[in-house]
């Protein structure tokens, strides 16, 4: 009898299913990492690439102090000036003066040049406001389908403005009544006045685009 009971217990133990393994501890399982996709080859390059790597010259030194004026005579053939002219045409085409902000005489330079109270305010509320108005005026005349052709400078109207000559603390080169030549939507040549250019550290900048007022 006892033998029969032992045999029955052995058979019962053998017929049991093996215990399943416990599930993995999800709290300590490392998440899978997916690499970020590289940008497509057709992605639009950054502005610095589009603009052929031409960078704006610094206005401040390593300590953050404004760099001084130079008496170097600017050239209308410099890569930076050519780049500025192209930006100006883009700004007119898009009716967006901000595109051409670097074309305009820098406020940091104006603060050094002008012997007036709060030159930065005068720059912002008078000069820059007039520039924005004139960009809009040229846009309404020509529309958005314009292309830069050339710049007709007026070297006979170029002169060195000595300190004190125009309420200025520092001297600068000035050239007036220049012509920005573009082609319009019909392919016709159009001339836009660039009323006044002023030099800063050997480069030309626009200070009056279409008239002095």
C-alpha atoms as a PDB file:
ATOM      1  CA  UNK A   1       0.000   0.000   0.000  1.00  0.00           C
ATOM      2  CA  UNK A   2       2.755   2.382   0.951  1.00  0.00           C
ATOM      3  CA  UNK A   3       4.575   1.514  -2.274  1.00  0.00           C
ATOM      4  CA  UNK A   4       1.489   2.354  -4.288  1.00  0.00           C
ATOM      5  CA  UNK A   5       1.219   5.748  -2.595  1.00  0.00           C
ATOM      6  CA  UNK A   6       4.890   6.571  -3.309  1.00  0.00           C
ATOM      7  CA  UNK A   7       4.512   5.621  -6.966  1.00  0.00           C
ATOM      8  CA  UNK A   8       1.450   7.858  -7.265  1.00  0.00           C
ATOM      9  CA  UNK A   9       3.326  10.808  -5.757  1.00  0.00           C
ATOM     10  CA  UNK A  10       6.253  10.317  -8.157  1.00  0.00           C
ATOM     11  CA  UNK A  11       3.970  10.197 -11.183  1.00  0.00           C
ATOM     12  CA  UNK A  12       2.177  13.347 -10.030  1.00  0.00           C
ATOM     13  CA  UNK A  13       5.452  15.273  -9.643  1.00  0.00           C
ATOM     14  CA  UNK A  14       6.632  14.273 -13.119  1.00  0.00           C
ATOM     15  CA  UNK A  15       3.391  15.372 -14.763  1.00  0.00           C
ATOM     16  CA  UNK A  16       3.613  18.967 -13.420  1.00  0.00           C
ATOM     17  CA  UNK A  17       4.539  21.743 -15.997  1.00  0.00           C
ATOM     18  CA  UNK A  18       7.839  23.485 -15.326  1.00  0.00           C
ATOM     19  CA  UNK A  19       7.474  26.937 -13.766  1.00  0.00           C
ATOM     20  CA  UNK A  20       7.698  29.791 -16.310  1.00  0.00           C
ATOM     21  CA  UNK A  21      10.567  32.239 -16.042  1.00  0.00           C
ATOM     22  CA  UNK A  22       9.687  35.601 -14.503  1.00  0.00           C
ATOM     23  CA  UNK A  23       9.256  38.520 -16.950  1.00  0.00           C
ATOM     24  CA  UNK A  24      12.217  40.857 -17.316  1.00  0.00           C
ATOM     25  CA  UNK A  25      12.439  43.784 -14.947  1.00  0.00           C
ATOM     26  CA  UNK A  26      11.193  46.572 -17.215  1.00  0.00           C
ATOM     27  CA  UNK A  27      12.211  49.221 -14.695  1.00  0.00           C
ATOM     28  CA  UNK A  28      15.888  48.555 -15.359  1.00  0.00           C
ATOM     29  CA  UNK A  29      15.716  47.794 -19.064  1.00  0.00           C
ATOM     30  CA  UNK A  30      17.643  50.432 -21.066  1.00  0.00           C
ATOM     31  CA  UNK A  31      15.545  52.156 -23.724  1.00  0.00           C
ATOM     32  CA  UNK A  32      16.535  51.715 -27.328  1.00  0.00           C
ATOM     33  CA  UNK A  33      18.371  54.664 -28.914  1.00  0.00           C
ATOM     34  CA  UNK A  34      17.499  55.910 -32.390  1.00  0.00           C
ATOM     35  CA  UNK A  35      20.053  58.041 -34.232  1.00  0.00           C
ATOM     36  CA  UNK A  36      18.824  61.391 -35.455  1.00  0.00           C
ATOM     37  CA  UNK A  37      18.279  61.548 -39.161  1.00  0.00           C
ATOM     38  CA  UNK A  38      20.767  63.618 -41.115  1.00  0.00           C
ATOM     39  CA  UNK A  39      19.339  66.623 -42.957  1.00  0.00           C
ATOM     40  CA  UNK A  40      18.514  65.945 -46.598  1.00  0.00           C
ATOM     41  CA  UNK A  41      21.074  66.970 -49.165  1.00  0.00           C
ATOM     42  CA  UNK A  42      18.545  69.337 -50.696  1.00  0.00           C
ATOM     43  CA  UNK A  43      18.100  71.344 -47.474  1.00  0.00           C
ATOM     44  CA  UNK A  44      18.541  75.083 -47.935  1.00  0.00           C
ATOM     45  CA  UNK A  45      22.004  76.181 -46.773  1.00  0.00           C
ATOM     46  CA  UNK A  46      22.433  78.755 -44.073  1.00  0.00           C
ATOM     47  CA  UNK A  47      22.622  82.466 -44.903  1.00  0.00           C
ATOM     48  CA  UNK A  48      26.396  82.466 -44.518  1.00  0.00           C
ATOM     49  CA  UNK A  49      26.677  79.714 -47.148  1.00  0.00           C
ATOM     50  CA  UNK A  50      24.197  81.392 -49.468  1.00  0.00           C
ATOM     51  CA  UNK A  51      26.162  84.608 -49.205  1.00  0.00           C
ATOM     52  CA  UNK A  52      29.393  82.909 -50.299  1.00  0.00           C
ATOM     53  CA  UNK A  53      30.901  83.073 -46.840  1.00  0.00           C
ATOM     54  CA  UNK A  54      31.230  86.864 -46.758  1.00  0.00           C
ATOM     55  CA  UNK A  55      31.114  87.996 -43.142  1.00  0.00           C
ATOM     56  CA  UNK A  56      30.496  91.430 -41.727  1.00  0.00           C
ATOM     57  CA  UNK A  57      33.576  93.151 -40.276  1.00  0.00           C
ATOM     58  CA  UNK A  58      33.622  93.448 -36.474  1.00  0.00           C
ATOM     59  CA  UNK A  59      32.456  96.663 -34.882  1.00  0.00           C
ATOM     60  CA  UNK A  60      33.724  95.853 -31.380  1.00  0.00           C
ATOM     61  CA  UNK A  61      37.057  94.622 -30.066  1.00  0.00           C
ATOM     62  CA  UNK A  62      37.593  91.565 -27.868  1.00  0.00           C
ATOM     63  CA  UNK A  63      36.705  93.606 -24.773  1.00  0.00           C
ATOM     64  CA  UNK A  64      33.450  94.816 -26.332  1.00  0.00           C
ATOM     65  CA  UNK A  65      34.675  98.350 -26.974  1.00  0.00           C
ATOM     66  CA  UNK A  66      33.832 100.038 -30.308  1.00  0.00           C
ATOM     67  CA  UNK A  67      36.635  99.856 -32.828  1.00  0.00           C
ATOM     68  CA  UNK A  68      37.943 103.255 -33.958  1.00  0.00           C
ATOM     69  CA  UNK A  69      37.342 104.922 -37.298  1.00  0.00           C
ATOM     70  CA  UNK A  70      39.947 104.553 -40.042  1.00  0.00           C
ATOM     71  CA  UNK A  71      40.806 107.088 -42.724  1.00  0.00           C
ATOM     72  CA  UNK A  72      41.158 104.380 -45.397  1.00  0.00           C
ATOM     73  CA  UNK A  73      39.364 105.383 -48.599  1.00  0.00           C
ATOM     74  CA  UNK A  74      36.658 102.817 -49.418  1.00  0.00           C
ATOM     75  CA  UNK A  75      36.251 101.067 -52.743  1.00  0.00           C
ATOM     76  CA  UNK A  76      32.991 100.302 -54.514  1.00  0.00           C
ATOM     77  CA  UNK A  77      34.662  97.136 -55.848  1.00  0.00           C
ATOM     78  CA  UNK A  78      35.202  95.453 -52.489  1.00  0.00           C
ATOM     79  CA  UNK A  79      33.507  92.046 -52.012  1.00  0.00           C
ATOM     80  CA  UNK A  80      31.690  93.351 -48.944  1.00  0.00           C
ATOM     81  CA  UNK A  81      30.239  96.358 -50.766  1.00  0.00           C
ATOM     82  CA  UNK A  82      29.144  94.189 -53.688  1.00  0.00           C
ATOM     83  CA  UNK A  83      27.504  91.853 -51.192  1.00  0.00           C
ATOM     84  CA  UNK A  84      25.764  94.805 -49.550  1.00  0.00           C
ATOM     85  CA  UNK A  85      24.382  95.978 -52.883  1.00  0.00           C
ATOM     86  CA  UNK A  86      22.930  92.551 -53.553  1.00  0.00           C
ATOM     87  CA  UNK A  87      21.362  92.537 -50.085  1.00  0.00           C
ATOM     88  CA  UNK A  88      19.880  95.959 -50.784  1.00  0.00           C
ATOM     89  CA  UNK A  89      18.258  94.713 -53.983  1.00  0.00           C
ATOM     90  CA  UNK A  90      16.879  91.702 -52.115  1.00  0.00           C
ATOM     91  CA  UNK A  91      15.446  93.999 -49.453  1.00  0.00           C
ATOM     92  CA  UNK A  92      13.723  96.146 -52.066  1.00  0.00           C
ATOM     93  CA  UNK A  93      12.354  93.102 -53.894  1.00  0.00           C
ATOM     94  CA  UNK A  94      10.945  91.639 -50.660  1.00  0.00           C
ATOM     95  CA  UNK A  95       9.947  95.022 -49.194  1.00  0.00           C
ATOM     96  CA  UNK A  96      11.885  93.982 -46.092  1.00  0.00           C
ATOM     97  CA  UNK A  97      14.450  96.543 -44.859  1.00  0.00           C
ATOM     98  CA  UNK A  98      15.768  94.083 -42.264  1.00  0.00           C
ATOM     99  CA  UNK A  99      17.432  92.113 -45.047  1.00  0.00           C
ATOM    100  CA  UNK A 100      19.639  95.158 -45.657  1.00  0.00           C
ATOM    101  CA  UNK A 101      20.300  96.158 -42.050  1.00  0.00           C
ATOM    102  CA  UNK A 102      24.012  95.368 -42.440  1.00  0.00           C
ATOM    103  CA  UNK A 103      24.091  97.636 -45.517  1.00  0.00           C
ATOM    104  CA  UNK A 104      23.092 100.619 -43.407  1.00  0.00           C
ATOM    105  CA  UNK A 105      25.593 102.747 -41.502  1.00  0.00           C
ATOM    106  CA  UNK A 106      26.074 100.930 -38.152  1.00  0.00           C
ATOM    107  CA  UNK A 107      24.556 102.522 -35.077  1.00  0.00           C
ATOM    108  CA  UNK A 108      27.772 101.768 -33.152  1.00  0.00           C
ATOM    109  CA  UNK A 109      29.644 103.898 -35.665  1.00  0.00           C
ATOM    110  CA  UNK A 110      27.015 106.653 -35.653  1.00  0.00           C
ATOM    111  CA  UNK A 111      27.341 106.930 -31.882  1.00  0.00           C
ATOM    112  CA  UNK A 112      31.041 107.708 -32.336  1.00  0.00           C
ATOM    113  CA  UNK A 113      30.635 110.012 -35.313  1.00  0.00           C
ATOM    114  CA  UNK A 114      27.835 112.394 -34.381  1.00  0.00           C
ATOM    115  CA  UNK A 115      28.255 115.197 -31.838  1.00  0.00           C
ATOM    116  CA  UNK A 116      24.591 115.224 -30.829  1.00  0.00           C
ATOM    117  CA  UNK A 117      22.609 114.156 -27.799  1.00  0.00           C
ATOM    118  CA  UNK A 118      21.510 110.517 -27.940  1.00  0.00           C
ATOM    119  CA  UNK A 119      22.807 109.640 -31.426  1.00  0.00           C
ATOM    120  CA  UNK A 120      21.382 106.109 -31.171  1.00  0.00           C
ATOM    121  CA  UNK A 121      17.878 107.539 -30.891  1.00  0.00           C
ATOM    122  CA  UNK A 122      18.463 109.793 -33.901  1.00  0.00           C
ATOM    123  CA  UNK A 123      19.774 106.795 -35.836  1.00  0.00           C
ATOM    124  CA  UNK A 124      16.723 104.668 -34.979  1.00  0.00           C
ATOM    125  CA  UNK A 125      13.912 107.204 -35.299  1.00  0.00           C
ATOM    126  CA  UNK A 126      15.223 109.345 -38.140  1.00  0.00           C
ATOM    127  CA  UNK A 127      17.851 107.680 -40.322  1.00  0.00           C
ATOM    128  CA  UNK A 128      16.672 104.074 -40.070  1.00  0.00           C
ATOM    129  CA  UNK A 129      13.020 105.120 -40.377  1.00  0.00           C
ATOM    130  CA  UNK A 130      13.794 107.042 -43.572  1.00  0.00           C
ATOM    131  CA  UNK A 131      15.692 104.048 -44.943  1.00  0.00           C
ATOM    132  CA  UNK A 132      12.727 101.743 -44.285  1.00  0.00           C
ATOM    133  CA  UNK A 133      10.408 104.237 -45.984  1.00  0.00           C
ATOM    134  CA  UNK A 134      12.653 104.438 -49.048  1.00  0.00           C
ATOM    135  CA  UNK A 135      12.944 100.661 -49.370  1.00  0.00           C
ATOM    136  CA  UNK A 136       9.142 100.547 -49.451  1.00  0.00           C
ATOM    137  CA  UNK A 137       9.004 103.338 -52.025  1.00  0.00           C
ATOM    138  CA  UNK A 138      11.381 101.541 -54.387  1.00  0.00           C
ATOM    139  CA  UNK A 139       9.479  98.277 -53.896  1.00  0.00           C
ATOM    140  CA  UNK A 140       6.200  99.902 -54.911  1.00  0.00           C
ATOM    141  CA  UNK A 141       7.870 101.306 -58.016  1.00  0.00           C
ATOM    142  CA  UNK A 142       9.572  98.103 -59.137  1.00  0.00           C
ATOM    143  CA  UNK A 143       7.881  95.142 -57.459  1.00  0.00           C
ATOM    144  CA  UNK A 144       9.643  91.948 -56.483  1.00  0.00           C
ATOM    145  CA  UNK A 145      11.085  90.798 -59.810  1.00  0.00           C
ATOM    146  CA  UNK A 146      14.249  92.870 -59.899  1.00  0.00           C
ATOM    147  CA  UNK A 147      17.885  91.886 -60.278  1.00  0.00           C
ATOM    148  CA  UNK A 148      21.087  93.669 -59.431  1.00  0.00           C
ATOM    149  CA  UNK A 149      23.073  94.794 -62.484  1.00  0.00           C
ATOM    150  CA  UNK A 150      25.711  97.280 -61.342  1.00  0.00           C
ATOM    151  CA  UNK A 151      26.505 100.295 -59.233  1.00  0.00           C
ATOM    152  CA  UNK A 152      27.273 103.613 -60.874  1.00  0.00           C
ATOM    153  CA  UNK A 153      29.343 105.493 -58.326  1.00  0.00           C
ATOM    154  CA  UNK A 154      29.972 109.232 -58.496  1.00  0.00           C
ATOM    155  CA  UNK A 155      33.661 109.589 -57.565  1.00  0.00           C
ATOM    156  CA  UNK A 156      33.590 113.286 -58.499  1.00  0.00           C
ATOM    157  CA  UNK A 157      31.186 113.711 -55.578  1.00  0.00           C
ATOM    158  CA  UNK A 158      33.419 111.927 -53.097  1.00  0.00           C
ATOM    159  CA  UNK A 159      35.199 113.855 -50.359  1.00  0.00           C
ATOM    160  CA  UNK A 160      36.726 113.502 -46.922  1.00  0.00           C
ATOM    161  CA  UNK A 161      34.489 115.168 -44.358  1.00  0.00           C
ATOM    162  CA  UNK A 162      36.682 116.661 -41.656  1.00  0.00           C
ATOM    163  CA  UNK A 163      35.610 116.578 -38.005  1.00  0.00           C
ATOM    164  CA  UNK A 164      33.116 119.355 -37.328  1.00  0.00           C
ATOM    165  CA  UNK A 165      32.014 119.672 -40.963  1.00  0.00           C
ATOM    166  CA  UNK A 166      28.583 118.035 -40.504  1.00  0.00           C
ATOM    167  CA  UNK A 167      28.222 118.092 -36.763  1.00  0.00           C
ATOM    168  CA  UNK A 168      30.596 115.156 -36.635  1.00  0.00           C
ATOM    169  CA  UNK A 169      33.237 114.277 -34.079  1.00  0.00           C
ATOM    170  CA  UNK A 170      35.173 112.049 -36.467  1.00  0.00           C
ATOM    171  CA  UNK A 171      36.087 112.364 -40.122  1.00  0.00           C
ATOM    172  CA  UNK A 172      34.676 110.090 -42.815  1.00  0.00           C
ATOM    173  CA  UNK A 173      34.491 109.686 -46.565  1.00  0.00           C
ATOM    174  CA  UNK A 174      31.185 110.645 -48.150  1.00  0.00           C
ATOM    175  CA  UNK A 175      29.916 110.069 -51.698  1.00  0.00           C
ATOM    176  CA  UNK A 176      26.526 111.323 -52.862  1.00  0.00           C
ATOM    177  CA  UNK A 177      23.975 110.873 -55.670  1.00  0.00           C
ATOM    178  CA  UNK A 178      25.098 107.400 -56.719  1.00  0.00           C
ATOM    179  CA  UNK A 179      22.981 105.066 -58.855  1.00  0.00           C
ATOM    180  CA  UNK A 180      21.983 101.480 -58.099  1.00  0.00           C
ATOM    181  CA  UNK A 181      21.184  99.880 -61.467  1.00  0.00           C
ATOM    182  CA  UNK A 182      18.736  96.971 -61.598  1.00  0.00           C
ATOM    183  CA  UNK A 183      16.612  95.201 -64.186  1.00  0.00           C
ATOM    184  CA  UNK A 184      12.844  95.149 -63.674  1.00  0.00           C
ATOM    185  CA  UNK A 185      10.262  92.458 -64.430  1.00  0.00           C
ATOM    186  CA  UNK A 186      10.360  93.348 -68.133  1.00  0.00           C
ATOM    187  CA  UNK A 187      14.130  93.184 -68.281  1.00  0.00           C
ATOM    188  CA  UNK A 188      14.445  96.936 -68.563  1.00  0.00           C
ATOM    189  CA  UNK A 189      17.289  98.765 -66.881  1.00  0.00           C
ATOM    190  CA  UNK A 190      16.204 100.968 -63.990  1.00  0.00           C
ATOM    191  CA  UNK A 191      18.314 103.346 -61.911  1.00  0.00           C
ATOM    192  CA  UNK A 192      17.687 103.943 -58.235  1.00  0.00           C
ATOM    193  CA  UNK A 193      19.409 106.747 -56.407  1.00  0.00           C
ATOM    194  CA  UNK A 194      21.577 105.928 -53.427  1.00  0.00           C
ATOM    195  CA  UNK A 195      21.727 109.437 -52.077  1.00  0.00           C
ATOM    196  CA  UNK A 196      24.579 109.206 -49.606  1.00  0.00           C
ATOM    197  CA  UNK A 197      27.273 106.712 -48.673  1.00  0.00           C
ATOM    198  CA  UNK A 198      29.499 107.154 -45.612  1.00  0.00           C
ATOM    199  CA  UNK A 199      32.671 105.263 -44.810  1.00  0.00           C
ATOM    200  CA  UNK A 200      33.395 103.307 -41.669  1.00  0.00           C
ATOM    201  CA  UNK A 201      36.731 101.563 -41.197  1.00  0.00           C
ATOM    202  CA  UNK A 202      37.432 101.442 -44.936  1.00  0.00           C
ATOM    203  CA  UNK A 203      34.009 100.291 -46.193  1.00  0.00           C
ATOM    204  CA  UNK A 204      31.008 102.116 -47.649  1.00  0.00           C
ATOM    205  CA  UNK A 205      27.610 102.079 -45.927  1.00  0.00           C
ATOM    206  CA  UNK A 206      24.283 103.624 -46.960  1.00  0.00           C
ATOM    207  CA  UNK A 207      23.090 106.436 -44.721  1.00  0.00           C
ATOM    208  CA  UNK A 208      20.517 108.060 -47.051  1.00  0.00           C
ATOM    209  CA  UNK A 209      18.846 105.948 -49.736  1.00  0.00           C
ATOM    210  CA  UNK A 210      16.380 108.217 -51.547  1.00  0.00           C
ATOM    211  CA  UNK A 211      16.858 111.833 -50.567  1.00  0.00           C
ATOM    212  CA  UNK A 212      18.106 113.407 -47.367  1.00  0.00           C
ATOM    213  CA  UNK A 213      14.635 113.849 -45.843  1.00  0.00           C
END
